[in-house]
Amino acid sequence: MDFEKLLALGCRSNYRIGIGLSREKFIATERQIKAIGCSLRLTRYSTPQSLVLALRDGVIDAGVRGTMSSSKILNELRKSFNVDRIMRAALMESALGKPFILAPVGIDEGRDYASRLELAGRTVDYFSAAHWRLSVGVLSKGRAEDSDRGTAIRRSLEEGERLARALKSRGIRVKHFSILIEDAVSESDLVIAPDGVSGNLIFRTLHFVGGGRAIGAPVVNLPKVFVDTSRVKTEYSDAIRLASGLAKVRERTHSNT
């Protein structure tokens, strides 16, 4: 799993990438992209609907949320691509530089065992196009010996074990790390949080408090490439390169099938 190789691939393309930014931030972002030597073509969109329709209709090769409202852009994606929910997986690096993918990261995602199993499976499949064979670390809300400390903790531990068994049966390398996130990040490529609220807190703590890097969160259950970003992100060149790199990977995959 090589984030920088994927970003470099995106930088070398001349894809059309749409992003939702104010005019001032868009101009600054164009300058950043040119300054690092990328030949990407950027288009600014001012509404979630216009960005998502451009993506759906092939006007752009990939989309990036930018500073648009999360709820509005996700609702447009659901409607335009006829999916009942959106599944995102965030590409991150710890403060020590360890790359990993975190999911779920939306507060309304991964609420139950079935949704987390589907999200983990789709994420593994999504990045297989980049020839990444992801190992998975499953988290739950306590250590194994904490099962008698509350119903919610016991249920979370049981679901963590069940999730790990299900993924292993699919041939995926997986380990249930219980609450030991430090070990999960150190040893795994994809970390599955106990639910979306926990995942969102992990994301915000690592990125905004702990000095970790957040590149972007691709939506893994769409036929087109869309990368979600935090509205408080100050620099978007990495998310743009990620979107472009994923679009290139998907083009190569489809051309070989």
C-alpha atoms as a PDB file:
ATOM      1  CA  MET A   1       0.000   0.000   0.000  1.00  0.00           C
ATOM      2  CA  ASP A   2       1.796   3.087  -1.287  1.00  0.00           C
ATOM      3  CA  PHE A   3      -0.067   6.388  -0.946  1.00  0.00           C
ATOM      4  CA  GLU A   4       2.637   8.500  -2.546  1.00  0.00           C
ATOM      5  CA  LYS A   5       2.824   6.286  -5.630  1.00  0.00           C
ATOM      6  CA  LEU A   6      -0.943   6.666  -6.097  1.00  0.00           C
ATOM      7  CA  LEU A   7      -0.752  10.456  -5.671  1.00  0.00           C
ATOM      8  CA  ALA A   8       2.133  10.640  -8.150  1.00  0.00           C
ATOM      9  CA  LEU A   9       0.093   8.648 -10.655  1.00  0.00           C
ATOM     10  CA  GLY A  10      -2.729  11.152 -10.284  1.00  0.00           C
ATOM     11  CA  CYS A  11      -0.388  14.098 -10.691  1.00  0.00           C
ATOM     12  CA  ARG A  12       0.887  12.762 -14.021  1.00  0.00           C
ATOM     13  CA  SER A  13      -2.547  12.528 -15.616  1.00  0.00           C
ATOM     14  CA  ASN A  14      -4.441  15.276 -17.397  1.00  0.00           C
ATOM     15  CA  TYR A  15      -7.808  14.273 -15.982  1.00  0.00           C
ATOM     16  CA  ARG A  16     -10.638  16.697 -15.369  1.00  0.00           C
ATOM     17  CA  ILE A  17     -11.238  16.975 -11.630  1.00  0.00           C
ATOM     18  CA  GLY A  18     -14.226  18.852 -10.215  1.00  0.00           C
ATOM     19  CA  ILE A  19     -14.133  20.365  -6.742  1.00  0.00           C
ATOM     20  CA  GLY A  20     -16.488  22.435  -4.604  1.00  0.00           C
ATOM     21  CA  LEU A  21     -14.605  25.530  -3.465  1.00  0.00           C
ATOM     22  CA  SER A  22     -15.059  29.266  -3.226  1.00  0.00           C
ATOM     23  CA  ARG A  23     -13.457  31.238  -6.042  1.00  0.00           C
ATOM     24  CA  GLU A  24     -10.602  32.408  -3.808  1.00  0.00           C
ATOM     25  CA  LYS A  25      -9.762  28.908  -2.534  1.00  0.00           C
ATOM     26  CA  PHE A  26     -10.074  27.485  -6.018  1.00  0.00           C
ATOM     27  CA  ILE A  27      -7.530  29.955  -7.413  1.00  0.00           C
ATOM     28  CA  ALA A  28      -5.140  29.115  -4.572  1.00  0.00           C
ATOM     29  CA  THR A  29      -5.636  25.395  -5.184  1.00  0.00           C
ATOM     30  CA  GLU A  30      -4.925  25.752  -8.902  1.00  0.00           C
ATOM     31  CA  ARG A  31      -1.672  27.492  -8.019  1.00  0.00           C
ATOM     32  CA  GLN A  32      -0.727  24.697  -5.620  1.00  0.00           C
ATOM     33  CA  ILE A  33      -1.389  22.047  -8.256  1.00  0.00           C
ATOM     34  CA  LYS A  34       0.718  23.866 -10.828  1.00  0.00           C
ATOM     35  CA  ALA A  35       3.481  24.509  -8.281  1.00  0.00           C
ATOM     36  CA  ILE A  36       3.987  20.779  -7.704  1.00  0.00           C
ATOM     37  CA  GLY A  37       4.120  20.102 -11.446  1.00  0.00           C
ATOM     38  CA  CYS A  38       0.735  18.460 -12.035  1.00  0.00           C
ATOM     39  CA  SER A  39      -1.040  18.737 -15.381  1.00  0.00           C
ATOM     40  CA  LEU A  40      -4.529  18.167 -13.994  1.00  0.00           C
ATOM     41  CA  ARG A  41      -7.452  20.227 -15.237  1.00  0.00           C
ATOM     42  CA  LEU A  42      -9.565  21.615 -12.409  1.00  0.00           C
ATOM     43  CA  THR A  43     -13.155  22.816 -12.588  1.00  0.00           C
ATOM     44  CA  ARG A  44     -14.881  24.701  -9.791  1.00  0.00           C
ATOM     45  CA  TYR A  45     -18.463  23.901  -8.836  1.00  0.00           C
ATOM     46  CA  SER A  46     -20.575  26.040  -6.549  1.00  0.00           C
ATOM     47  CA  THR A  47     -23.406  23.621  -5.742  1.00  0.00           C
ATOM     48  CA  PRO A  48     -23.470  19.931  -4.744  1.00  0.00           C
ATOM     49  CA  GLN A  49     -25.965  19.152  -7.496  1.00  0.00           C
ATOM     50  CA  SER A  50     -23.836  20.611 -10.291  1.00  0.00           C
ATOM     51  CA  LEU A  51     -20.717  18.775  -9.079  1.00  0.00           C
ATOM     52  CA  VAL A  52     -22.424  15.398  -8.714  1.00  0.00           C
ATOM     53  CA  LEU A  53     -24.250  15.655 -12.060  1.00  0.00           C
ATOM     54  CA  ALA A  54     -20.994  16.529 -13.812  1.00  0.00           C
ATOM     55  CA  LEU A  55     -19.451  13.416 -12.267  1.00  0.00           C
ATOM     56  CA  ARG A  56     -22.393  11.195 -13.149  1.00  0.00           C
ATOM     57  CA  ASP A  57     -22.566  12.417 -16.747  1.00  0.00           C
ATOM     58  CA  GLY A  58     -18.826  12.136 -17.422  1.00  0.00           C
ATOM     59  CA  VAL A  59     -18.164  15.867 -17.711  1.00  0.00           C
ATOM     60  CA  ILE A  60     -15.394  15.348 -15.147  1.00  0.00           C
ATOM     61  CA  ASP A  61     -13.302  12.242 -14.465  1.00  0.00           C
ATOM     62  CA  ALA A  62     -13.474  12.475 -10.667  1.00  0.00           C
ATOM     63  CA  GLY A  63     -14.948  14.713  -7.992  1.00  0.00           C
ATOM     64  CA  VAL A  64     -13.697  16.163  -4.705  1.00  0.00           C
ATOM     65  CA  ARG A  65     -16.052  17.573  -2.099  1.00  0.00           C
ATOM     66  CA  GLY A  66     -13.921  20.526  -1.005  1.00  0.00           C
ATOM     67  CA  THR A  67     -15.820  22.818   1.343  1.00  0.00           C
ATOM     68  CA  MET A  68     -19.352  21.830   0.371  1.00  0.00           C
ATOM     69  CA  SER A  69     -21.841  20.632   3.001  1.00  0.00           C
ATOM     70  CA  SER A  70     -21.326  16.958   3.777  1.00  0.00           C
ATOM     71  CA  SER A  71     -25.011  16.138   4.179  1.00  0.00           C
ATOM     72  CA  LYS A  72     -25.950  17.891   0.934  1.00  0.00           C
ATOM     73  CA  ILE A  73     -23.221  16.349  -1.198  1.00  0.00           C
ATOM     74  CA  LEU A  74     -23.852  12.857   0.166  1.00  0.00           C
ATOM     75  CA  ASN A  75     -27.568  13.203  -0.463  1.00  0.00           C
ATOM     76  CA  GLU A  76     -26.879  14.216  -4.064  1.00  0.00           C
ATOM     77  CA  LEU A  77     -24.577  11.235  -4.521  1.00  0.00           C
ATOM     78  CA  ARG A  78     -27.239   8.865  -3.196  1.00  0.00           C
ATOM     79  CA  LYS A  79     -29.887  10.273  -5.504  1.00  0.00           C
ATOM     80  CA  SER A  80     -27.795  10.578  -8.646  1.00  0.00           C
ATOM     81  CA  PHE A  81     -26.188   7.134  -8.363  1.00  0.00           C
ATOM     82  CA  ASN A  82     -29.257   5.413  -6.917  1.00  0.00           C
ATOM     83  CA  VAL A  83     -27.587   3.980  -3.804  1.00  0.00           C
ATOM     84  CA  ASP A  84     -29.250   3.748  -0.407  1.00  0.00           C
ATOM     85  CA  ARG A  85     -26.157   4.820   1.547  1.00  0.00           C
ATOM     86  CA  ILE A  86     -22.695   6.210   1.051  1.00  0.00           C
ATOM     87  CA  MET A  87     -19.615   4.303   2.249  1.00  0.00           C
ATOM     88  CA  ARG A  88     -16.369   6.169   2.779  1.00  0.00           C
ATOM     89  CA  ALA A  89     -12.873   5.085   3.764  1.00  0.00           C
ATOM     90  CA  ALA A  90     -10.303   7.712   4.792  1.00  0.00           C
ATOM     91  CA  LEU A  91      -6.660   7.517   3.738  1.00  0.00           C
ATOM     92  CA  MET A  92      -4.552   8.706   6.669  1.00  0.00           C
ATOM     93  CA  GLU A  93      -1.045   8.762   8.079  1.00  0.00           C
ATOM     94  CA  SER A  94      -0.247   8.755  11.770  1.00  0.00           C
ATOM     95  CA  ALA A  95       1.993  11.457  13.211  1.00  0.00           C
ATOM     96  CA  LEU A  96       4.803   8.905  12.904  1.00  0.00           C
ATOM     97  CA  GLY A  97       4.134   8.528   9.188  1.00  0.00           C
ATOM     98  CA  LYS A  98       2.373   5.136   9.232  1.00  0.00           C
ATOM     99  CA  PRO A  99      -0.142   4.985   6.352  1.00  0.00           C
ATOM    100  CA  PHE A 100      -3.498   3.327   6.966  1.00  0.00           C
ATOM    101  CA  ILE A 101      -7.130   3.470   5.884  1.00  0.00           C
ATOM    102  CA  LEU A 102      -9.866   4.193   8.426  1.00  0.00           C
ATOM    103  CA  ALA A 103     -13.567   3.304   8.157  1.00  0.00           C
ATOM    104  CA  PRO A 104     -16.319   4.039   8.944  1.00  0.00           C
ATOM    105  CA  VAL A 105     -15.765   7.794   9.322  1.00  0.00           C
ATOM    106  CA  GLY A 106     -19.302   9.177   8.963  1.00  0.00           C
ATOM    107  CA  ILE A 107     -21.383   9.431  12.128  1.00  0.00           C
ATOM    108  CA  ASP A 108     -24.302   7.683  10.416  1.00  0.00           C
ATOM    109  CA  GLU A 109     -22.191   4.902   8.902  1.00  0.00           C
ATOM    110  CA  GLY A 110     -21.289   1.476  10.288  1.00  0.00           C
ATOM    111  CA  ARG A 111     -24.081   1.415  12.845  1.00  0.00           C
ATOM    112  CA  ASP A 112     -24.390  -2.366  12.874  1.00  0.00           C
ATOM    113  CA  TYR A 113     -22.448  -5.525  12.136  1.00  0.00           C
ATOM    114  CA  ALA A 114     -23.866  -6.007   8.638  1.00  0.00           C
ATOM    115  CA  SER A 115     -22.986  -2.484   7.487  1.00  0.00           C
ATOM    116  CA  ARG A 116     -19.431  -2.738   8.825  1.00  0.00           C
ATOM    117  CA  LEU A 117     -18.945  -6.092   7.132  1.00  0.00           C
ATOM    118  CA  GLU A 118     -20.141  -4.689   3.822  1.00  0.00           C
ATOM    119  CA  LEU A 119     -17.985  -1.567   4.231  1.00  0.00           C
ATOM    120  CA  ALA A 120     -14.862  -3.599   5.008  1.00  0.00           C
ATOM    121  CA  GLY A 121     -15.464  -5.896   2.041  1.00  0.00           C
ATOM    122  CA  ARG A 122     -16.146  -3.068  -0.375  1.00  0.00           C
ATOM    123  CA  THR A 123     -13.064  -1.163   0.783  1.00  0.00           C
ATOM    124  CA  VAL A 124     -10.818  -4.179   0.281  1.00  0.00           C
ATOM    125  CA  ASP A 125     -12.314  -4.716  -3.183  1.00  0.00           C
ATOM    126  CA  TYR A 126     -12.101  -1.020  -4.106  1.00  0.00           C
ATOM    127  CA  PHE A 127      -8.379  -0.748  -3.453  1.00  0.00           C
ATOM    128  CA  SER A 128      -7.597  -4.100  -5.033  1.00  0.00           C
ATOM    129  CA  ALA A 129      -7.727  -2.172  -8.327  1.00  0.00           C
ATOM    130  CA  ALA A 130      -4.517  -0.464  -7.156  1.00  0.00           C
ATOM    131  CA  HIS A 131      -3.074  -3.924  -6.434  1.00  0.00           C
ATOM    132  CA  TRP A 132      -3.264  -3.287  -2.694  1.00  0.00           C
ATOM    133  CA  ARG A 133      -3.999  -6.447  -0.718  1.00  0.00           C
ATOM    134  CA  LEU A 134      -5.236  -4.867   2.469  1.00  0.00           C
ATOM    135  CA  SER A 135      -4.843  -6.433   5.884  1.00  0.00           C
ATOM    136  CA  VAL A 136      -7.690  -5.522   8.230  1.00  0.00           C
ATOM    137  CA  GLY A 137      -7.651  -4.593  11.900  1.00  0.00           C
ATOM    138  CA  VAL A 138     -11.041  -4.736  13.614  1.00  0.00           C
ATOM    139  CA  LEU A 139     -11.658  -2.563  16.677  1.00  0.00           C
ATOM    140  CA  SER A 140     -14.240  -2.950  19.430  1.00  0.00           C
ATOM    141  CA  LYS A 141     -15.148  -1.086  22.611  1.00  0.00           C
ATOM    142  CA  GLY A 142     -12.975  -2.903  25.133  1.00  0.00           C
ATOM    143  CA  ARG A 143     -10.441  -5.636  25.785  1.00  0.00           C
ATOM    144  CA  ALA A 144     -11.479  -9.272  25.685  1.00  0.00           C
ATOM    145  CA  GLU A 145     -11.585  -9.395  29.485  1.00  0.00           C
ATOM    146  CA  ASP A 146     -13.979  -6.409  29.610  1.00  0.00           C
ATOM    147  CA  SER A 147     -17.053  -8.309  28.396  1.00  0.00           C
ATOM    148  CA  ASP A 148     -18.687  -8.172  31.832  1.00  0.00           C
ATOM    149  CA  ARG A 149     -18.405  -4.365  32.056  1.00  0.00           C
ATOM    150  CA  GLY A 150     -21.613  -3.596  30.197  1.00  0.00           C
ATOM    151  CA  THR A 151     -23.971  -4.883  27.528  1.00  0.00           C
ATOM    152  CA  ALA A 152     -22.706  -2.485  24.861  1.00  0.00           C
ATOM    153  CA  ILE A 153     -19.099  -3.505  25.469  1.00  0.00           C
ATOM    154  CA  ARG A 154     -19.919  -7.223  25.380  1.00  0.00           C
ATOM    155  CA  ARG A 155     -21.924  -6.827  22.170  1.00  0.00           C
ATOM    156  CA  SER A 156     -19.119  -4.837  20.542  1.00  0.00           C
ATOM    157  CA  LEU A 157     -16.531  -7.485  21.434  1.00  0.00           C
ATOM    158  CA  GLU A 158     -18.763 -10.259  20.104  1.00  0.00           C
ATOM    159  CA  GLU A 159     -19.387  -8.376  16.857  1.00  0.00           C
ATOM    160  CA  GLY A 160     -15.668  -7.683  16.474  1.00  0.00           C
ATOM    161  CA  GLU A 161     -14.898 -11.390  16.698  1.00  0.00           C
ATOM    162  CA  ARG A 162     -17.738 -12.208  14.326  1.00  0.00           C
ATOM    163  CA  LEU A 163     -16.583  -9.593  11.821  1.00  0.00           C
ATOM    164  CA  ALA A 164     -13.013 -10.885  11.894  1.00  0.00           C
ATOM    165  CA  ARG A 165     -14.204 -14.464  11.289  1.00  0.00           C
ATOM    166  CA  ALA A 166     -16.410 -13.393   8.378  1.00  0.00           C
ATOM    167  CA  LEU A 167     -13.611 -11.456   6.683  1.00  0.00           C
ATOM    168  CA  LYS A 168     -11.159 -14.307   7.235  1.00  0.00           C
ATOM    169  CA  SER A 169     -13.592 -16.686   5.534  1.00  0.00           C
ATOM    170  CA  ARG A 170     -13.316 -14.465   2.447  1.00  0.00           C
ATOM    171  CA  GLY A 171      -9.547 -14.891   2.350  1.00  0.00           C
ATOM    172  CA  ILE A 172      -8.787 -11.482   3.877  1.00  0.00           C
ATOM    173  CA  ARG A 173      -5.960 -11.105   6.364  1.00  0.00           C
ATOM    174  CA  VAL A 174      -7.644  -9.857   9.505  1.00  0.00           C
ATOM    175  CA  LYS A 175      -7.171  -9.551  13.268  1.00  0.00           C
ATOM    176  CA  HIS A 176      -9.493  -8.389  16.026  1.00  0.00           C
ATOM    177  CA  PHE A 177      -7.496  -5.896  18.090  1.00  0.00           C
ATOM    178  CA  SER A 178     -10.291  -5.145  20.588  1.00  0.00           C
ATOM    179  CA  ILE A 179      -9.754  -1.555  21.821  1.00  0.00           C
ATOM    180  CA  LEU A 180      -6.016  -1.472  21.066  1.00  0.00           C
ATOM    181  CA  ILE A 181      -6.080   1.058  18.236  1.00  0.00           C
ATOM    182  CA  GLU A 182      -2.352   1.677  18.548  1.00  0.00           C
ATOM    183  CA  ASP A 183      -1.660  -1.937  17.574  1.00  0.00           C
ATOM    184  CA  ALA A 184      -4.302  -1.934  14.847  1.00  0.00           C
ATOM    185  CA  VAL A 185      -2.783   1.120  13.161  1.00  0.00           C
ATOM    186  CA  SER A 186       0.722  -0.259  13.515  1.00  0.00           C
ATOM    187  CA  GLU A 187      -0.048  -3.695  12.094  1.00  0.00           C
ATOM    188  CA  SER A 188      -2.944  -3.187   9.660  1.00  0.00           C
ATOM    189  CA  ASP A 189      -3.683  -1.427   6.384  1.00  0.00           C
ATOM    190  CA  LEU A 190      -7.421  -0.971   6.986  1.00  0.00           C
ATOM    191  CA  VAL A 191      -8.745  -0.197  10.465  1.00  0.00           C
ATOM    192  CA  ILE A 192     -12.462  -0.823  11.078  1.00  0.00           C
ATOM    193  CA  ALA A 193     -13.850   1.263  13.946  1.00  0.00           C
ATOM    194  CA  PRO A 194     -16.691  -0.047  16.170  1.00  0.00           C
ATOM    195  CA  ASP A 195     -19.129   2.414  14.536  1.00  0.00           C
ATOM    196  CA  GLY A 196     -19.193   5.667  12.572  1.00  0.00           C
ATOM    197  CA  VAL A 197     -19.218   7.919  15.623  1.00  0.00           C
ATOM    198  CA  SER A 198     -16.097   6.222  16.990  1.00  0.00           C
ATOM    199  CA  GLY A 199     -14.477   6.383  13.565  1.00  0.00           C
ATOM    200  CA  ASN A 200     -15.245  10.079  13.218  1.00  0.00           C
ATOM    201  CA  LEU A 201     -13.766  10.776  16.650  1.00  0.00           C
ATOM    202  CA  ILE A 202     -10.657   8.747  15.781  1.00  0.00           C
ATOM    203  CA  PHE A 203     -10.297  10.663  12.510  1.00  0.00           C
ATOM    204  CA  ARG A 204     -10.675  14.078  14.127  1.00  0.00           C
ATOM    205  CA  THR A 205      -8.384  13.249  17.037  1.00  0.00           C
ATOM    206  CA  LEU A 206      -5.613  11.886  14.845  1.00  0.00           C
ATOM    207  CA  HIS A 207      -5.818  14.651  12.263  1.00  0.00           C
ATOM    208  CA  PHE A 208      -6.812  17.815  14.111  1.00  0.00           C
ATOM    209  CA  VAL A 209      -5.249  17.111  17.514  1.00  0.00           C
ATOM    210  CA  GLY A 210      -2.562  14.490  17.008  1.00  0.00           C
ATOM    211  CA  GLY A 211      -0.871  15.918  13.913  1.00  0.00           C
ATOM    212  CA  GLY A 212      -1.714  13.022  11.593  1.00  0.00           C
ATOM    213  CA  ARG A 213      -2.341  13.484   7.885  1.00  0.00           C
ATOM    214  CA  ALA A 214      -5.746  13.077   6.232  1.00  0.00           C
ATOM    215  CA  ILE A 215      -5.532  12.797   2.445  1.00  0.00           C
ATOM    216  CA  GLY A 216      -9.167  12.167   1.584  1.00  0.00           C
ATOM    217  CA  ALA A 217     -11.974   9.643   1.902  1.00  0.00           C
ATOM    218  CA  PRO A 218     -13.010   7.956  -1.364  1.00  0.00           C
ATOM    219  CA  VAL A 219     -16.573   6.688  -1.618  1.00  0.00           C
ATOM    220  CA  VAL A 220     -16.117   2.952  -2.154  1.00  0.00           C
ATOM    221  CA  ASN A 221     -19.600   2.023  -3.413  1.00  0.00           C
ATOM    222  CA  LEU A 222     -19.936   4.268  -6.473  1.00  0.00           C
ATOM    223  CA  PRO A 223     -19.176   3.515 -10.137  1.00  0.00           C
ATOM    224  CA  LYS A 224     -17.324   6.859 -10.378  1.00  0.00           C
ATOM    225  CA  VAL A 225     -14.504   8.302  -8.245  1.00  0.00           C
ATOM    226  CA  PHE A 226     -15.516  10.777  -5.572  1.00  0.00           C
ATOM    227  CA  VAL A 227     -13.249  11.846  -2.711  1.00  0.00           C
ATOM    228  CA  ASP A 228     -14.732  13.342   0.427  1.00  0.00           C
ATOM    229  CA  THR A 229     -12.763  15.915   2.411  1.00  0.00           C
ATOM    230  CA  SER A 230     -13.182  17.849   5.631  1.00  0.00           C
ATOM    231  CA  ARG A 231     -14.488  21.392   5.280  1.00  0.00           C
ATOM    232  CA  VAL A 232     -11.737  22.641   7.579  1.00  0.00           C
ATOM    233  CA  LYS A 233      -8.995  21.177   5.406  1.00  0.00           C
ATOM    234  CA  THR A 234      -6.652  23.967   4.352  1.00  0.00           C
ATOM    235  CA  GLU A 235      -4.933  22.311   1.385  1.00  0.00           C
ATOM    236  CA  TYR A 236      -6.587  20.172  -1.291  1.00  0.00           C
ATOM    237  CA  SER A 237      -3.818  19.184  -3.690  1.00  0.00           C
ATOM    238  CA  ASP A 238      -3.415  15.763  -2.067  1.00  0.00           C
ATOM    239  CA  ALA A 239      -7.150  14.978  -2.274  1.00  0.00           C
ATOM    240  CA  ILE A 240      -7.192  16.101  -5.924  1.00  0.00           C
ATOM    241  CA  ARG A 241      -4.201  13.925  -6.795  1.00  0.00           C
ATOM    242  CA  LEU A 242      -5.825  11.033  -4.941  1.00  0.00           C
ATOM    243  CA  ALA A 243      -9.022  11.398  -6.969  1.00  0.00           C
ATOM    244  CA  SER A 244      -7.053  11.510 -10.194  1.00  0.00           C
ATOM    245  CA  GLY A 245      -4.910   8.522  -9.226  1.00  0.00           C
ATOM    246  CA  LEU A 246      -7.959   6.436  -8.374  1.00  0.00           C
ATOM    247  CA  ALA A 247      -9.585   7.401 -11.675  1.00  0.00           C
ATOM    248  CA  LYS A 248      -6.447   6.274 -13.527  1.00  0.00           C
ATOM    249  CA  VAL A 249      -6.359   2.985 -11.626  1.00  0.00           C
ATOM    250  CA  ARG A 250     -10.009   2.313 -12.488  1.00  0.00           C
ATOM    251  CA  GLU A 251      -9.405   3.156 -16.147  1.00  0.00           C
ATOM    252  CA  ARG A 252      -6.556   0.650 -16.281  1.00  0.00           C
ATOM    253  CA  THR A 253      -8.669  -2.005 -14.554  1.00  0.00           C
ATOM    254  CA  HIS A 254     -11.588  -1.563 -16.940  1.00  0.00           C
ATOM    255  CA  SER A 255      -9.322  -1.590 -19.998  1.00  0.00           C
ATOM    256  CA  ASN A 256      -7.935  -4.971 -18.889  1.00  0.00           C
ATOM    257  CA  THR A 257     -11.346  -6.599 -18.452  1.00  0.00           C
END
